[in-house]
Amino acid sequence: MHQWARASVKQNAGNNRQNNTPAEAALWEAIRLKKLDGFKFRNQHAIGAYVVDFYCHEAKLAIEVDGEYHLEPNQKEYDEERTLRIEASGVKIIRFTNQEVLTNLEAVLVKIRACLKR
């Protein structure tokens, strides 16, 4: 899915991997290495002009972990447009807040499982 991403987007993804937030790191630890029902996830994956926090190619599922700045009006508008563009390519996006991941990881994993399909 990243084959049509520009080199600069791929580079941003690599930089993001080195700087995961605490919430992203916690979720990554729970889903990496096929720990979630055998599904492989990628961390900071390029899709076209965008980088998603986590991506499962098999399920065509992207997961975003949002910090407080995602509540700002301009960022919310950008996120909505970005979601529409990514979902137009056949990828479903689900979003969680940092707080959700850090305080109730099990509930987050249940929601992710519900979106996975084989």
Protein backbone atom coordinates (compact mmCIF):
# COMPACT_ATOMS: atom_id res chain seq x y z
CA MET A 1 0.00 0.00 0.00
CA HIS A 2 3.00 2.30 0.40
CA GLN A 3 4.31 1.79 -3.12
CA TRP A 4 2.63 4.98 -4.32
CA ALA A 5 3.87 7.09 -1.41
CA ARG A 6 6.49 9.74 -2.16
CA ALA A 7 9.97 9.31 -0.73
CA SER A 8 9.43 12.30 1.58
CA VAL A 9 6.31 10.68 3.04
CA LYS A 10 8.19 7.43 3.62
CA GLN A 11 10.97 9.41 5.31
CA ASN A 12 8.39 11.10 7.58
CA ALA A 13 7.06 7.67 8.49
CA GLY A 14 10.55 6.55 9.45
CA ASN A 15 11.07 9.66 11.57
CA ASN A 16 7.71 9.11 13.30
CA ARG A 17 8.71 5.54 14.14
CA GLN A 18 11.63 6.90 16.12
CA ASN A 19 9.38 9.29 18.05
CA ASN A 20 6.24 7.38 19.01
CA THR A 21 4.16 8.98 21.75
CA PRO A 22 3.72 6.99 24.98
CA ALA A 23 0.22 5.98 23.83
CA GLU A 24 1.48 4.87 20.41
CA ALA A 25 4.29 2.92 22.06
CA ALA A 26 1.84 1.15 24.38
CA LEU A 27 -0.49 0.19 21.53
CA TRP A 28 2.42 -0.86 19.33
CA GLU A 29 3.70 -3.17 22.03
CA ALA A 30 0.24 -4.81 22.20
CA ILE A 31 -0.17 -5.36 18.44
CA ARG A 32 3.36 -5.81 17.08
CA LEU A 33 4.78 -9.17 16.01
CA LYS A 34 1.30 -10.53 15.22
CA LYS A 35 0.30 -10.41 18.90
CA LEU A 36 -3.27 -9.43 18.05
CA ASP A 37 -4.93 -12.57 16.70
CA GLY A 38 -2.09 -13.21 14.26
CA PHE A 39 -2.60 -9.99 12.28
CA LYS A 40 0.54 -8.15 11.16
CA PHE A 41 0.57 -4.41 11.80
CA ARG A 42 3.02 -1.83 10.53
CA ASN A 43 4.06 1.13 12.67
CA GLN A 44 3.90 4.59 11.02
CA HIS A 45 2.93 3.39 7.56
CA ALA A 46 2.76 5.60 4.45
CA ILE A 47 -0.47 5.53 2.46
CA GLY A 48 -0.27 7.90 -0.50
CA ALA A 49 0.48 11.39 0.84
CA TYR A 50 -0.27 10.42 4.44
CA VAL A 51 1.26 8.46 7.30
CA VAL A 52 -1.02 6.44 9.57
CA ASP A 53 0.05 5.38 13.04
CA PHE A 54 -0.62 1.67 12.48
CA TYR A 55 -1.71 -0.31 9.45
CA CYS A 56 -2.80 -3.90 8.83
CA HIS A 57 -2.63 -4.67 5.12
CA GLU A 58 -4.52 -7.95 5.42
CA ALA A 59 -7.55 -6.22 6.99
CA LYS A 60 -7.06 -2.88 5.15
CA LEU A 61 -7.29 -1.25 8.57
CA ALA A 62 -5.51 1.89 9.76
CA ILE A 63 -5.40 2.91 13.41
CA GLU A 64 -4.81 6.47 14.53
CA VAL A 65 -3.94 7.48 18.09
CA ASP A 66 -4.84 11.12 18.57
CA GLY A 67 -3.31 13.58 21.01
CA GLU A 68 -4.97 16.74 22.27
CA TYR A 69 -4.01 18.81 19.22
CA HIS A 70 -6.45 16.72 17.19
CA LEU A 71 -9.24 18.56 19.03
CA GLU A 72 -8.25 21.91 17.53
CA PRO A 73 -10.74 23.03 14.82
CA ASN A 74 -8.20 23.25 11.99
CA GLN A 75 -6.73 19.87 12.87
CA LYS A 76 -10.19 18.28 13.08
CA GLU A 77 -11.00 19.55 9.58
CA TYR A 78 -7.67 18.23 8.26
CA ASP A 79 -8.21 14.85 9.93
CA GLU A 80 -11.70 14.54 8.43
CA GLU A 81 -10.44 15.30 4.92
CA ARG A 82 -7.48 12.96 5.38
CA THR A 83 -9.78 10.17 6.58
CA LEU A 84 -12.04 10.60 3.55
CA ARG A 85 -9.10 10.42 1.16
CA ILE A 86 -7.58 7.36 2.79
CA GLU A 87 -10.92 5.56 3.06
CA ALA A 88 -11.54 6.30 -0.64
CA SER A 89 -8.57 4.00 -1.32
CA GLY A 90 -10.35 1.14 0.47
CA VAL A 91 -8.71 1.48 3.89
CA LYS A 92 -10.87 1.75 7.01
CA ILE A 93 -9.60 4.12 9.72
CA ILE A 94 -10.41 3.85 13.40
CA ARG A 95 -9.33 6.48 15.91
CA PHE A 96 -8.54 6.40 19.60
CA THR A 97 -7.39 9.13 21.93
CA ASN A 98 -4.12 8.91 23.80
CA GLN A 99 -6.20 8.77 26.98
CA GLU A 100 -8.19 5.75 25.76
CA VAL A 101 -5.04 3.83 24.91
CA LEU A 102 -3.24 4.69 28.14
CA THR A 103 -6.16 4.09 30.51
CA ASN A 104 -8.11 1.29 28.85
CA LEU A 105 -5.91 -0.60 26.41
CA GLU A 106 -7.99 -3.78 26.65
CA ALA A 107 -11.12 -1.95 25.44
CA VAL A 108 -9.12 -0.47 22.58
CA LEU A 109 -7.93 -3.95 21.58
CA VAL A 110 -11.51 -5.24 21.67
CA LYS A 111 -12.57 -2.47 19.27
CA ILE A 112 -9.64 -3.21 16.96
CA ARG A 113 -10.47 -6.94 16.94
CA ALA A 114 -14.04 -6.09 15.92
CA CYS A 115 -12.67 -4.33 12.82
CA LEU A 116 -10.29 -7.09 11.77
CA LYS A 117 -11.50 -9.54 9.18
CA ARG A 118 -9.92 -12.37 7.32
